[in-house]
Amino acid sequence: MHYHVFCMHSVSTIVIRLLSLTSLLCYTCVSNSPVSYLSGPLSSAMMCIFEHASSEGICDRSSNRASRCMGGGGGFAFVGLTCVDHIIAVDEFPLEDSDVRVRHRRDSPGGNATNSAVVMSQLIPPDSHIFLHSVTSDDLMSKFAVDLLSKLGIQMSCPSVSGLSLSESTVILSRVKGTRTILHSPDDFTANCFQSLNLLPLASLSWIHLEGRNPAKSAESMQQVKASIEEILKARDVEKWSLRISVELEKSPSRHIGLETLLILPVDLMILGSDFWQGIDPSGRGIDAERRLIGGLPFGAQSLVITRGVEGSVGFCNGALTYQPAVLVDPVVDSLGAGDTYNAALIYAMSQGRVLSQSMKFAAQVASRKCGQVGLLGLRDSSGADALV
């Protein structure tokens, strides 16, 4: 199944589509082949047309999960940012003060936690449930994101905050080099979601993943995030939950004040992005340098993974260091969200009882598949996820 975006071919075409699909404005459907989010909530001239609808579509997935949302089977929760990405694909990244032809554009829910939740929704079995604990509002962008995510069976668990404008990002994809350049809006309301973690059904979850952020860029804000995670750890120990906890530190500590203080948290898995790692050690990124640094880092996680994009990933568990080369794909079609895909696949594999090295290998394979296709949907069939269940 493929998606086709009809951008104002004629006024009559748009009128016909609007009359026949009044309830289907600007949403996306799941496909059995690599597909993307294709929608444009700000443009009345752009509609997402669904052709050859599959029985494995979003609506089926949503209804199947909704009937079991609070039952057994173990659930997953992702805590962090939801935004809307306005994605523009060009042949090459434009020079300043130049005219460049856009090959295609699409709008998609974005943010690290949101992307990982979308990927996880394709990997988990149908009797599991998935929550996204992220701040949204009553604006048009929030409605677009929440409606699409709900069709994937993802339940929003953080209270909506009225009167806000959801964060937006503009993403420029270079088709020649496979790079993505992201222009972020300054808004970040994730402090609200860290303050309401008690609203999650923690006792029924098997895993919670938190996107390490400093929403207000202040030491006080960072301490609030740290305290929220510590409360979950304490409650887990007291209540004897089987809940496993992971934290991602992606941004450089120089830009997110105090982010490195989360390193000492005794979580099950700590994922360090390349920006964060470079902020700690800007001089050396080789395996030997990482071995020395990890040995001296005051981290409390049972397992530590450092992601380095095309340079692969490094894992540390029980005193042993593991290196996983990146699974390269040629050509790189779309690298947006590849790191979030890696994180979700890593968590999924570990939740299935795989050791760290096996989980890192699986995560690299799924992330590679993602780079070879447009968007995040359609990963399950091509990733071989069923082999891990």
Protein backbone atom coordinates (compact mmCIF):
# COMPACT_ATOMS: atom_id res chain seq x y z
CA MET A 1 0.00 0.00 0.00
CA HIS A 2 1.26 3.46 -0.80
CA TYR A 3 0.27 6.96 0.16
CA HIS A 4 -0.45 9.69 -2.30
CA VAL A 5 -0.61 13.35 -1.41
CA PHE A 6 -2.73 15.47 -3.71
CA CYS A 7 -1.64 19.08 -3.51
CA MET A 8 -4.27 21.25 -5.16
CA HIS A 9 -4.33 19.64 -8.59
CA SER A 10 -7.63 21.38 -9.09
CA VAL A 11 -10.32 22.98 -7.00
CA SER A 12 -12.82 20.34 -8.08
CA THR A 13 -10.56 17.50 -6.95
CA ILE A 14 -10.21 19.00 -3.50
CA VAL A 15 -13.95 19.56 -3.17
CA ILE A 16 -14.67 15.95 -4.09
CA ARG A 17 -12.10 14.67 -1.59
CA LEU A 18 -13.43 16.91 1.16
CA LEU A 19 -16.98 15.72 0.61
CA SER A 20 -16.08 12.04 0.56
CA LEU A 21 -13.49 12.14 3.36
CA THR A 22 -14.74 14.76 5.77
CA SER A 23 -13.65 12.78 8.78
CA LEU A 24 -10.32 11.80 7.26
CA LEU A 25 -8.54 15.13 7.08
CA CYS A 26 -4.77 15.05 7.39
CA TYR A 27 -4.22 11.70 9.05
CA THR A 28 -2.00 8.79 8.19
CA CYS A 29 -2.56 5.03 7.97
CA VAL A 30 -0.28 2.08 8.62
CA SER A 31 1.02 0.10 5.67
CA ASN A 32 2.63 -3.29 5.26
CA SER A 33 5.43 -1.66 3.27
CA PRO A 34 7.83 1.10 4.30
CA VAL A 35 5.75 4.28 4.46
CA SER A 36 5.78 7.65 6.08
CA TYR A 37 3.58 10.09 7.86
CA LEU A 38 2.15 12.21 5.08
CA SER A 39 -0.08 15.02 6.20
CA GLY A 40 -0.38 18.75 6.46
CA PRO A 41 -2.71 20.07 9.13
CA LEU A 42 -1.99 23.71 8.27
CA SER A 43 -2.74 23.41 4.57
CA SER A 44 -6.33 23.11 3.42
CA ALA A 45 -5.03 22.16 0.00
CA MET A 46 -3.17 19.06 1.22
CA MET A 47 -4.95 15.85 2.15
CA CYS A 48 -3.81 12.33 2.93
CA ILE A 49 -5.62 9.90 0.68
CA PHE A 50 -5.78 6.28 1.80
CA GLU A 51 -5.78 3.75 -1.02
CA HIS A 52 -6.19 -0.03 -0.76
CA ALA A 53 -6.83 0.11 3.00
CA SER A 54 -5.20 -2.75 4.89
CA SER A 55 -6.87 -4.85 7.56
CA GLU A 56 -3.77 -4.15 9.66
CA GLY A 57 -4.53 -0.41 9.69
CA ILE A 58 -4.20 2.06 12.49
CA CYS A 59 -7.83 1.91 13.57
CA ASP A 60 -7.66 -1.86 14.07
CA ARG A 61 -4.51 -1.50 16.12
CA SER A 62 -6.07 1.18 18.30
CA SER A 63 -9.24 -0.77 19.05
CA ASN A 64 -7.34 -3.97 19.79
CA ARG A 65 -5.18 -2.24 22.39
CA ALA A 66 -7.96 -0.13 23.89
CA SER A 67 -9.88 -3.19 25.07
CA ARG A 68 -6.80 -4.43 26.95
CA CYS A 69 -5.22 -1.13 27.93
CA MET A 70 -5.16 -1.81 31.63
CA GLY A 71 -4.87 -5.57 31.53
CA GLY A 72 -1.88 -7.84 31.86
CA GLY A 73 0.77 -8.50 29.29
CA GLY A 74 3.14 -5.77 30.44
CA GLY A 75 3.04 -2.24 29.10
CA PHE A 76 5.54 0.38 28.02
CA ALA A 77 5.58 4.09 28.78
CA PHE A 78 7.66 6.83 27.18
CA VAL A 79 8.12 10.18 28.89
CA GLY A 80 9.32 13.26 27.04
CA LEU A 81 8.60 15.63 24.20
CA THR A 82 5.82 15.61 21.65
CA CYS A 83 6.07 18.14 18.85
CA VAL A 84 5.14 18.35 15.19
CA ASP A 85 7.91 18.04 12.62
CA HIS A 86 7.52 19.89 9.33
CA ILE A 87 9.77 17.78 7.11
CA ILE A 88 11.17 19.04 3.82
CA ALA A 89 13.18 16.81 1.47
CA VAL A 90 15.64 18.40 -0.95
CA ASP A 91 18.32 16.95 -3.20
CA GLU A 92 21.12 18.75 -1.40
CA PHE A 93 21.21 21.00 1.63
CA PRO A 94 20.64 24.54 0.34
CA LEU A 95 23.28 27.21 0.23
CA GLU A 96 22.51 30.46 1.95
CA ASP A 97 20.47 32.90 -0.17
CA SER A 98 19.66 30.27 -2.82
CA ASP A 99 16.52 28.84 -4.45
CA VAL A 100 16.01 25.10 -4.00
CA ARG A 101 13.29 22.82 -5.28
CA VAL A 102 11.49 20.81 -2.57
CA ARG A 103 11.06 17.17 -3.60
CA HIS A 104 8.38 16.42 -1.04
CA ARG A 105 7.13 17.61 2.33
CA ARG A 106 5.20 16.01 5.13
CA ASP A 107 4.14 16.76 8.67
CA SER A 108 4.59 14.22 11.44
CA PRO A 109 4.40 13.92 15.22
CA GLY A 110 7.96 14.16 16.51
CA GLY A 111 10.14 14.31 19.59
CA ASN A 112 12.42 11.58 20.95
CA ALA A 113 9.90 9.95 23.27
CA THR A 114 7.13 10.19 20.68
CA ASN A 115 9.22 8.63 17.93
CA SER A 116 10.28 5.78 20.20
CA ALA A 117 6.64 5.18 21.18
CA VAL A 118 5.65 4.99 17.49
CA VAL A 119 8.38 2.43 16.82
CA MET A 120 7.52 0.42 19.94
CA SER A 121 3.85 0.33 18.93
CA GLN A 122 4.92 -1.76 15.92
CA LEU A 123 7.12 -4.17 17.87
CA ILE A 124 5.08 -5.10 20.93
CA PRO A 125 2.54 -7.94 20.90
CA PRO A 126 -1.17 -7.04 20.66
CA ASP A 127 -1.85 -7.81 24.34
CA SER A 128 0.58 -5.11 25.49
CA HIS A 129 -0.27 -1.46 25.91
CA ILE A 130 1.76 1.66 25.36
CA PHE A 131 1.58 5.11 26.96
CA LEU A 132 3.10 8.40 25.90
CA HIS A 133 3.45 10.77 28.83
CA SER A 134 3.91 14.05 27.05
CA VAL A 135 2.43 17.52 27.29
CA THR A 136 -0.09 18.52 24.62
CA SER A 137 -2.68 21.27 24.45
CA ASP A 138 -5.94 22.19 22.72
CA ASP A 139 -4.35 23.72 19.63
CA LEU A 140 -4.48 22.41 16.07
CA MET A 141 -0.99 20.90 16.18
CA SER A 142 -1.80 18.95 19.36
CA LYS A 143 -5.01 17.60 17.86
CA PHE A 144 -3.15 16.46 14.77
CA ALA A 145 -0.47 14.67 16.80
CA VAL A 146 -2.78 13.11 19.40
CA ASP A 147 -5.31 11.86 16.84
CA LEU A 148 -2.63 10.16 14.78
CA LEU A 149 -0.89 8.63 17.80
CA SER A 150 -4.18 7.29 19.15
CA LYS A 151 -4.75 5.51 15.85
CA LEU A 152 -1.49 3.69 16.49
CA GLY A 153 -2.83 2.47 19.83
CA ILE A 154 -0.69 4.93 21.82
CA GLN A 155 -2.47 6.36 24.85
CA MET A 156 -1.67 9.87 26.03
CA SER A 157 -1.36 9.79 29.82
CA CYS A 158 -0.24 13.33 30.65
CA PRO A 159 -3.01 15.91 31.24
CA SER A 160 -3.49 18.36 28.41
CA VAL A 161 -2.61 21.96 29.26
CA SER A 162 -5.03 24.47 27.75
CA GLY A 163 -3.80 27.55 25.94
CA LEU A 164 -0.35 26.30 24.88
CA SER A 165 0.99 25.95 21.36
CA LEU A 166 2.63 22.60 20.73
CA SER A 167 6.30 22.80 19.86
CA GLU A 168 7.14 22.64 16.16
CA SER A 169 10.35 21.83 14.32
CA THR A 170 11.38 22.27 10.71
CA VAL A 171 13.50 19.42 9.36
CA ILE A 172 15.53 19.59 6.15
CA LEU A 173 16.44 16.18 4.69
CA SER A 174 19.28 15.96 2.17
CA ARG A 175 18.61 13.13 -0.26
CA VAL A 176 22.22 13.08 -1.51
CA LYS A 177 23.97 12.82 1.87
CA GLY A 178 21.13 11.33 3.91
CA THR A 179 21.50 14.00 6.59
CA ARG A 180 18.82 15.81 8.52
CA THR A 181 19.06 19.36 9.86
CA ILE A 182 16.55 20.32 12.54
CA LEU A 183 15.41 23.83 13.41
CA HIS A 184 13.70 23.69 16.79
CA SER A 185 11.13 26.05 18.20
CA PRO A 186 12.12 27.36 21.63
CA ASP A 187 9.07 26.00 23.46
CA ASP A 188 9.55 23.05 25.79
CA PHE A 189 6.75 22.08 28.17
CA THR A 190 8.08 18.70 29.26
CA ALA A 191 8.43 19.89 32.86
CA ASN A 192 4.69 19.25 33.23
CA CYS A 193 5.01 15.60 32.25
CA PHE A 194 7.80 14.93 34.76
CA GLN A 195 5.65 16.46 37.50
CA SER A 196 2.75 14.08 36.82
CA LEU A 197 4.43 10.70 36.51
CA ASN A 198 2.18 9.40 39.29
CA LEU A 199 -0.68 9.39 36.76
CA LEU A 200 0.95 6.53 34.87
CA PRO A 201 -0.22 2.98 35.79
CA LEU A 202 3.29 2.17 37.02
CA ALA A 203 2.28 -1.08 38.73
CA SER A 204 1.05 -2.56 35.44
CA LEU A 205 4.01 -1.46 33.33
CA SER A 206 6.97 -3.62 32.44
CA TRP A 207 9.11 -0.69 31.24
CA ILE A 208 9.23 3.10 31.47
CA HIS A 209 11.65 5.12 29.35
CA LEU A 210 12.38 8.75 30.19
CA GLU A 211 13.87 11.32 27.87
CA GLY A 212 16.44 13.16 29.97
CA ARG A 213 15.81 16.86 29.42
CA ASN A 214 16.21 20.15 31.24
CA PRO A 215 13.01 21.90 30.14
CA ALA A 216 13.71 25.27 31.79
CA LYS A 217 17.49 25.10 31.22
CA SER A 218 18.05 25.68 34.94
CA ALA A 219 19.61 23.78 37.83
CA GLU A 220 16.27 23.82 39.67
CA SER A 221 14.48 22.30 36.68
CA MET A 222 17.09 19.55 36.44
CA GLN A 223 16.71 18.72 40.12
CA GLN A 224 12.94 18.36 39.63
CA VAL A 225 13.47 15.90 36.80
CA LYS A 226 15.97 13.94 38.90
CA ALA A 227 13.62 13.89 41.91
CA SER A 228 10.73 12.61 39.77
CA ILE A 229 12.80 9.67 38.53
CA GLU A 230 14.04 8.94 42.05
CA GLU A 231 10.43 8.77 43.27
CA ILE A 232 9.68 6.07 40.68
CA LEU A 233 12.76 4.11 41.72
CA LYS A 234 11.76 4.32 45.38
CA ALA A 235 8.16 3.29 44.69
CA ARG A 236 9.35 0.35 42.61
CA ASP A 237 11.51 -0.93 45.46
CA VAL A 238 8.78 -0.46 48.07
CA GLU A 239 5.97 -1.97 45.99
CA LYS A 240 8.15 -4.73 44.49
CA TRP A 241 7.12 -3.87 40.96
CA SER A 242 8.76 -5.70 38.08
CA LEU A 243 9.06 -2.34 36.32
CA ARG A 244 12.32 -1.65 34.49
CA ILE A 245 13.50 1.92 33.98
CA SER A 246 15.66 3.51 31.30
CA VAL A 247 16.84 7.07 30.75
CA GLU A 248 18.21 8.69 27.60
CA LEU A 249 20.72 11.54 27.83
CA GLU A 250 21.09 12.88 24.30
CA LYS A 251 21.86 16.58 24.48
CA SER A 252 25.23 18.05 25.39
CA PRO A 253 25.55 18.92 29.10
CA SER A 254 26.77 22.37 28.02
CA ARG A 255 23.30 23.08 26.60
CA HIS A 256 21.26 21.30 29.26
CA ILE A 257 22.53 22.42 32.65
CA GLY A 258 23.07 19.59 35.12
CA LEU A 259 22.07 16.81 32.73
CA GLU A 260 25.08 14.77 33.82
CA THR A 261 23.60 14.56 37.35
CA LEU A 262 21.20 11.91 36.03
CA LEU A 263 24.14 9.58 35.37
CA ILE A 264 24.20 8.40 38.96
CA LEU A 265 20.59 7.18 38.97
CA PRO A 266 20.43 3.41 39.59
CA VAL A 267 18.23 2.69 36.57
CA ASP A 268 18.24 -0.50 34.52
CA LEU A 269 19.47 1.13 31.32
CA MET A 270 21.16 4.45 30.58
CA ILE A 271 21.46 5.50 26.93
CA LEU A 272 23.96 8.25 26.13
CA GLY A 273 23.71 10.03 22.78
CA SER A 274 26.77 11.08 20.83
CA ASP A 275 26.21 14.78 21.64
CA PHE A 276 26.13 14.04 25.36
CA TRP A 277 29.19 11.81 25.10
CA GLN A 278 31.16 14.39 23.18
CA GLY A 279 30.23 16.93 25.84
CA ILE A 280 31.88 14.69 28.42
CA ASP A 281 34.89 13.77 26.28
CA PRO A 282 35.36 16.12 23.30
CA SER A 283 38.89 14.87 22.62
CA GLY A 284 38.49 11.15 21.98
CA ARG A 285 35.67 8.84 20.88
CA GLY A 286 37.56 5.64 20.16
CA ILE A 287 36.81 2.36 21.87
CA ASP A 288 39.89 2.63 24.11
CA ALA A 289 38.97 6.14 25.21
CA GLU A 290 35.45 4.98 26.01
CA ARG A 291 36.78 2.02 27.97
CA ARG A 292 38.86 4.35 30.13
CA LEU A 293 36.11 6.91 30.55
CA ILE A 294 33.41 4.38 31.41
CA GLY A 295 35.69 2.94 34.05
CA GLY A 296 35.87 6.33 35.72
CA LEU A 297 32.31 7.52 35.20
CA PRO A 298 30.10 7.73 38.32
CA PHE A 299 27.08 6.08 36.73
CA GLY A 300 24.56 3.90 38.54
CA ALA A 301 22.83 2.05 35.70
CA GLN A 302 23.00 -1.72 35.39
CA SER A 303 23.61 -1.32 31.65
CA LEU A 304 25.05 1.64 29.78
CA VAL A 305 24.87 2.17 26.01
CA ILE A 306 26.57 4.93 24.04
CA THR A 307 25.11 5.53 20.59
CA ARG A 308 27.38 7.04 17.93
CA GLY A 309 25.39 6.94 14.69
CA VAL A 310 27.37 5.51 11.79
CA GLU A 311 30.21 4.70 14.18
CA GLY A 312 28.06 2.11 15.94
CA SER A 313 27.34 1.79 19.64
CA VAL A 314 29.18 0.75 22.77
CA GLY A 315 27.60 -1.12 25.67
CA PHE A 316 28.81 -1.71 29.20
CA CYS A 317 27.29 -4.30 31.55
CA ASN A 318 28.71 -6.33 34.43
CA GLY A 319 32.18 -4.95 33.79
CA ALA A 320 32.22 -6.05 30.15
CA LEU A 321 32.43 -3.70 27.19
CA THR A 322 30.59 -4.56 23.96
CA TYR A 323 31.00 -2.86 20.58
CA GLN A 324 28.22 -3.07 17.99
CA PRO A 325 29.06 -1.77 14.50
CA ALA A 326 26.38 0.20 12.72
CA VAL A 327 24.44 -1.74 10.10
CA LEU A 328 24.99 0.53 7.13
CA VAL A 329 22.40 1.03 4.41
CA ASP A 330 22.98 2.47 0.96
CA PRO A 331 21.42 4.76 0.06
CA VAL A 332 20.35 6.48 3.25
CA VAL A 333 16.80 7.55 2.47
CA ASP A 334 15.72 9.19 5.72
CA SER A 335 17.77 9.28 8.93
CA LEU A 336 15.26 11.34 10.94
CA GLY A 337 14.35 9.39 14.07
CA ALA A 338 16.99 6.69 13.58
CA GLY A 339 18.36 7.17 17.09
CA ASP A 340 14.86 7.01 18.59
CA THR A 341 14.25 3.85 16.58
CA TYR A 342 17.45 2.34 17.98
CA ASN A 343 16.35 3.16 21.54
CA ALA A 344 12.90 1.60 21.13
CA ALA A 345 14.31 -1.55 19.52
CA LEU A 346 16.96 -1.84 22.23
CA ILE A 347 14.34 -1.58 24.98
CA TYR A 348 12.06 -4.04 23.21
CA ALA A 349 14.80 -6.66 22.85
CA MET A 350 15.89 -6.29 26.48
CA SER A 351 12.28 -6.59 27.62
CA GLN A 352 12.17 -9.93 25.82
CA GLY A 353 15.06 -11.21 27.95
CA ARG A 354 17.89 -10.74 25.46
CA VAL A 355 21.34 -9.89 26.79
CA LEU A 356 22.78 -6.47 26.06
CA SER A 357 24.94 -7.51 23.10
CA GLN A 358 22.01 -9.26 21.38
CA SER A 359 19.75 -6.30 22.05
CA MET A 360 22.27 -3.85 20.61
CA LYS A 361 22.59 -5.94 17.45
CA PHE A 362 18.83 -6.04 16.98
CA ALA A 363 18.56 -2.29 17.62
CA ALA A 364 21.23 -1.59 15.00
CA GLN A 365 19.36 -3.72 12.47
CA VAL A 366 16.03 -1.98 13.05
CA ALA A 367 17.65 1.47 12.96
CA SER A 368 19.28 0.55 9.66
CA ARG A 369 15.93 -0.48 8.21
CA LYS A 370 14.52 2.85 9.29
CA CYS A 371 17.31 4.76 7.49
CA GLY A 372 16.45 2.88 4.30
CA GLN A 373 12.83 4.04 4.23
CA VAL A 374 10.84 7.24 4.59
CA GLY A 375 9.23 7.73 7.99
CA LEU A 376 8.77 5.44 10.97
CA LEU A 377 5.85 3.25 9.97
CA GLY A 378 6.13 -0.17 8.37
CA LEU A 379 9.15 -1.33 10.41
CA ARG A 380 7.73 -4.49 11.94
CA ASP A 381 7.52 -6.65 8.85
CA SER A 382 10.99 -5.71 7.66
CA SER A 383 12.73 -5.82 11.04
CA GLY A 384 12.13 -9.45 11.93
CA ALA A 385 10.83 -8.42 15.34
CA ASP A 386 8.80 -11.60 15.66
CA ALA A 387 12.04 -13.61 15.92
CA LEU A 388 12.68 -12.06 19.33
CA VAL A 389 9.26 -12.73 20.83
